[in-house]
Amino acid sequence: MSMYNIFISHAWKYDDDYYKIEEWLRNSNISYKNYSVPQHDSFASNTNLKKALTEQIKHANVVLIIAGMYANYSDWIDYEIDEAVRMEKYIIGIYPWGQERAPIKITTFADKMVGWNSASVINAIKET
């Protein structure tokens, strides 16, 4: 069985989506390590956060990006996408529940876009 090193890009303001994806991973039959930074482990400064994000993305094989329209206004999600592309990571964009549109940057750089359900996300990870 493969081990998947995963980074979940997310906005702390919308961390319910992050925790739902984490739950899907826990309840799945895949072996994985989560390299993301949840809000309760947040960093004091932007400089520290930037370094930490780069380091976490470096260790991931797969980057999951929740494609909420709020991502259009997040410099951090923008930075995470740029780093994932620079490091040639496999990017899976996830449409939030009930949403049909996604920020153009995510749809442009995602290797795959999937719907908001556990089977779609887990199967996309297994395809990497």
C-alpha atoms as a PDB file:
ATOM      1  CA  MET A   1       0.000   0.000   0.000  1.00  0.00           C
ATOM      2  CA  SER A   2       1.313   3.443  -0.913  1.00  0.00           C
ATOM      3  CA  MET A   3       1.966   6.163   1.627  1.00  0.00           C
ATOM      4  CA  TYR A   4       0.633   9.567   0.575  1.00  0.00           C
ATOM      5  CA  ASN A   5       2.214  12.725   1.930  1.00  0.00           C
ATOM      6  CA  ILE A   6      -0.539  15.326   1.788  1.00  0.00           C
ATOM      7  CA  PHE A   7      -0.730  19.074   2.238  1.00  0.00           C
ATOM      8  CA  ILE A   8      -4.231  20.540   2.558  1.00  0.00           C
ATOM      9  CA  SER A   9      -4.312  24.172   1.505  1.00  0.00           C
ATOM     10  CA  HIS A  10      -7.044  26.044   3.326  1.00  0.00           C
ATOM     11  CA  ALA A  11      -8.077  29.356   4.821  1.00  0.00           C
ATOM     12  CA  TRP A  12      -8.147  29.238   8.627  1.00  0.00           C
ATOM     13  CA  LYS A  13     -11.289  31.335   8.518  1.00  0.00           C
ATOM     14  CA  TYR A  14     -12.999  28.387   6.776  1.00  0.00           C
ATOM     15  CA  ASP A  15     -11.399  25.563   8.735  1.00  0.00           C
ATOM     16  CA  ASP A  16     -14.578  23.417   8.872  1.00  0.00           C
ATOM     17  CA  ASP A  17     -13.798  22.302   5.302  1.00  0.00           C
ATOM     18  CA  TYR A  18     -10.242  21.434   6.328  1.00  0.00           C
ATOM     19  CA  TYR A  19     -11.443  19.300   9.239  1.00  0.00           C
ATOM     20  CA  LYS A  20     -14.003  17.534   7.015  1.00  0.00           C
ATOM     21  CA  ILE A  21     -11.258  16.530   4.545  1.00  0.00           C
ATOM     22  CA  GLU A  22      -9.091  15.407   7.446  1.00  0.00           C
ATOM     23  CA  GLU A  23     -12.009  13.238   8.632  1.00  0.00           C
ATOM     24  CA  TRP A  24     -12.388  11.724   5.139  1.00  0.00           C
ATOM     25  CA  LEU A  25      -8.686  10.848   5.140  1.00  0.00           C
ATOM     26  CA  ARG A  26      -8.870   9.289   8.630  1.00  0.00           C
ATOM     27  CA  ASN A  27     -11.887   7.193   7.631  1.00  0.00           C
ATOM     28  CA  SER A  28     -10.368   6.043   4.340  1.00  0.00           C
ATOM     29  CA  ASN A  29      -8.262   2.986   3.636  1.00  0.00           C
ATOM     30  CA  ILE A  30      -5.187   4.955   2.540  1.00  0.00           C
ATOM     31  CA  SER A  31      -1.974   5.450   4.475  1.00  0.00           C
ATOM     32  CA  TYR A  32      -1.085   9.124   4.662  1.00  0.00           C
ATOM     33  CA  LYS A  33       0.756  11.819   6.538  1.00  0.00           C
ATOM     34  CA  ASN A  34      -0.816  15.266   6.780  1.00  0.00           C
ATOM     35  CA  TYR A  35       1.738  18.071   6.440  1.00  0.00           C
ATOM     36  CA  SER A  36      -0.787  20.911   6.826  1.00  0.00           C
ATOM     37  CA  VAL A  37      -0.914  23.579   9.529  1.00  0.00           C
ATOM     38  CA  PRO A  38      -4.274  23.624  11.314  1.00  0.00           C
ATOM     39  CA  GLN A  39      -5.359  26.880  12.926  1.00  0.00           C
ATOM     40  CA  HIS A  40      -4.673  25.647  16.464  1.00  0.00           C
ATOM     41  CA  ASP A  41      -0.986  25.289  15.489  1.00  0.00           C
ATOM     42  CA  SER A  42      -0.760  28.651  13.724  1.00  0.00           C
ATOM     43  CA  PHE A  43       2.377  30.777  13.546  1.00  0.00           C
ATOM     44  CA  ALA A  44       3.098  34.116  15.174  1.00  0.00           C
ATOM     45  CA  SER A  45       4.539  35.877  12.131  1.00  0.00           C
ATOM     46  CA  ASN A  46       4.008  35.875   8.376  1.00  0.00           C
ATOM     47  CA  THR A  47       7.707  35.147   7.819  1.00  0.00           C
ATOM     48  CA  ASN A  48       7.508  32.015   9.963  1.00  0.00           C
ATOM     49  CA  LEU A  49       4.304  30.941   8.232  1.00  0.00           C
ATOM     50  CA  LYS A  50       5.812  31.364   4.762  1.00  0.00           C
ATOM     51  CA  LYS A  51       8.860  29.260   5.697  1.00  0.00           C
ATOM     52  CA  ALA A  52       6.671  26.603   7.307  1.00  0.00           C
ATOM     53  CA  LEU A  53       4.332  26.412   4.319  1.00  0.00           C
ATOM     54  CA  THR A  54       7.246  25.967   1.929  1.00  0.00           C
ATOM     55  CA  GLU A  55       8.719  23.237   4.128  1.00  0.00           C
ATOM     56  CA  GLN A  56       5.395  21.395   4.434  1.00  0.00           C
ATOM     57  CA  ILE A  57       4.651  21.549   0.714  1.00  0.00           C
ATOM     58  CA  LYS A  58       8.182  20.299   0.019  1.00  0.00           C
ATOM     59  CA  HIS A  59       7.413  17.047   1.879  1.00  0.00           C
ATOM     60  CA  ALA A  60       4.022  16.474   0.238  1.00  0.00           C
ATOM     61  CA  ASN A  61       3.406  14.402  -2.903  1.00  0.00           C
ATOM     62  CA  VAL A  62      -0.147  15.695  -3.172  1.00  0.00           C
ATOM     63  CA  VAL A  63      -1.547  19.170  -2.498  1.00  0.00           C
ATOM     64  CA  LEU A  64      -5.294  19.416  -1.882  1.00  0.00           C
ATOM     65  CA  ILE A  65      -6.775  22.863  -2.468  1.00  0.00           C
ATOM     66  CA  ILE A  66     -10.295  23.693  -1.353  1.00  0.00           C
ATOM     67  CA  ALA A  67     -11.518  25.774  -4.278  1.00  0.00           C
ATOM     68  CA  GLY A  68     -13.794  28.149  -2.391  1.00  0.00           C
ATOM     69  CA  MET A  69     -14.298  31.558  -3.980  1.00  0.00           C
ATOM     70  CA  TYR A  70     -12.628  33.057  -0.876  1.00  0.00           C
ATOM     71  CA  ALA A  71      -9.370  31.682  -2.342  1.00  0.00           C
ATOM     72  CA  ASN A  72      -9.500  34.579  -4.823  1.00  0.00           C
ATOM     73  CA  TYR A  73      -8.734  36.894  -1.909  1.00  0.00           C
ATOM     74  CA  SER A  74      -6.204  34.816   0.001  1.00  0.00           C
ATOM     75  CA  ASP A  75      -2.547  35.690  -0.467  1.00  0.00           C
ATOM     76  CA  TRP A  76      -1.642  32.549   1.474  1.00  0.00           C
ATOM     77  CA  ILE A  77      -3.565  30.161  -0.761  1.00  0.00           C
ATOM     78  CA  ASP A  78      -2.019  31.977  -3.722  1.00  0.00           C
ATOM     79  CA  TYR A  79       1.425  31.423  -2.204  1.00  0.00           C
ATOM     80  CA  GLU A  80       0.695  27.736  -1.571  1.00  0.00           C
ATOM     81  CA  ILE A  81      -0.372  27.224  -5.194  1.00  0.00           C
ATOM     82  CA  ASP A  82       2.751  29.015  -6.443  1.00  0.00           C
ATOM     83  CA  GLU A  83       4.981  26.848  -4.244  1.00  0.00           C
ATOM     84  CA  ALA A  84       3.206  23.625  -5.256  1.00  0.00           C
ATOM     85  CA  VAL A  85       3.604  24.516  -8.939  1.00  0.00           C
ATOM     86  CA  ARG A  86       7.250  25.518  -8.453  1.00  0.00           C
ATOM     87  CA  MET A  87       7.964  22.174  -6.761  1.00  0.00           C
ATOM     88  CA  GLU A  88       5.950  20.259  -9.384  1.00  0.00           C
ATOM     89  CA  LYS A  89       3.517  18.776  -6.847  1.00  0.00           C
ATOM     90  CA  TYR A  90       0.332  17.014  -7.938  1.00  0.00           C
ATOM     91  CA  ILE A  91      -2.539  19.418  -7.197  1.00  0.00           C
ATOM     92  CA  ILE A  92      -6.116  18.312  -6.591  1.00  0.00           C
ATOM     93  CA  GLY A  93      -8.702  21.103  -6.514  1.00  0.00           C
ATOM     94  CA  ILE A  94     -11.848  20.372  -4.516  1.00  0.00           C
ATOM     95  CA  TYR A  95     -15.105  22.196  -5.233  1.00  0.00           C
ATOM     96  CA  PRO A  96     -16.783  23.045  -1.900  1.00  0.00           C
ATOM     97  CA  TRP A  97     -20.237  21.599  -1.289  1.00  0.00           C
ATOM     98  CA  GLY A  98     -22.826  23.089  -3.654  1.00  0.00           C
ATOM     99  CA  GLN A  99     -20.323  25.212  -5.539  1.00  0.00           C
ATOM    100  CA  GLU A 100     -19.901  24.869  -9.308  1.00  0.00           C
ATOM    101  CA  ARG A 101     -17.404  27.658  -9.888  1.00  0.00           C
ATOM    102  CA  ALA A 102     -13.846  27.886  -8.634  1.00  0.00           C
ATOM    103  CA  PRO A 103     -11.122  30.521  -8.748  1.00  0.00           C
ATOM    104  CA  ILE A 104      -9.389  30.512 -12.138  1.00  0.00           C
ATOM    105  CA  LYS A 105      -5.945  30.104 -10.579  1.00  0.00           C
ATOM    106  CA  ILE A 106      -7.004  26.836  -8.960  1.00  0.00           C
ATOM    107  CA  THR A 107      -8.675  25.420 -12.082  1.00  0.00           C
ATOM    108  CA  THR A 108      -5.652  26.466 -14.157  1.00  0.00           C
ATOM    109  CA  PHE A 109      -3.019  24.809 -11.983  1.00  0.00           C
ATOM    110  CA  ALA A 110      -4.923  21.809 -10.588  1.00  0.00           C
ATOM    111  CA  ASP A 111      -3.979  18.502 -12.156  1.00  0.00           C
ATOM    112  CA  LYS A 112      -7.489  17.332 -11.290  1.00  0.00           C
ATOM    113  CA  MET A 113     -10.704  18.951 -10.007  1.00  0.00           C
ATOM    114  CA  VAL A 114     -13.140  16.879  -7.927  1.00  0.00           C
ATOM    115  CA  GLY A 115     -16.463  17.346  -6.179  1.00  0.00           C
ATOM    116  CA  TRP A 116     -17.082  17.701  -2.458  1.00  0.00           C
ATOM    117  CA  ASN A 117     -17.323  14.080  -1.369  1.00  0.00           C
ATOM    118  CA  SER A 118     -14.960  11.634   0.247  1.00  0.00           C
ATOM    119  CA  ALA A 119     -14.915   9.084  -2.588  1.00  0.00           C
ATOM    120  CA  SER A 120     -13.912  11.694  -5.191  1.00  0.00           C
ATOM    121  CA  VAL A 121     -11.114  13.068  -3.026  1.00  0.00           C
ATOM    122  CA  ILE A 122      -9.750   9.668  -1.941  1.00  0.00           C
ATOM    123  CA  ASN A 123      -9.901   8.257  -5.493  1.00  0.00           C
ATOM    124  CA  ALA A 124      -8.088  11.317  -6.865  1.00  0.00           C
ATOM    125  CA  ILE A 125      -5.337  10.830  -4.269  1.00  0.00           C
ATOM    126  CA  LYS A 126      -5.032   7.137  -5.189  1.00  0.00           C
ATOM    127  CA  GLU A 127      -4.616   8.095  -8.864  1.00  0.00           C
ATOM    128  CA  THR A 128      -1.422  10.031  -8.132  1.00  0.00           C
END
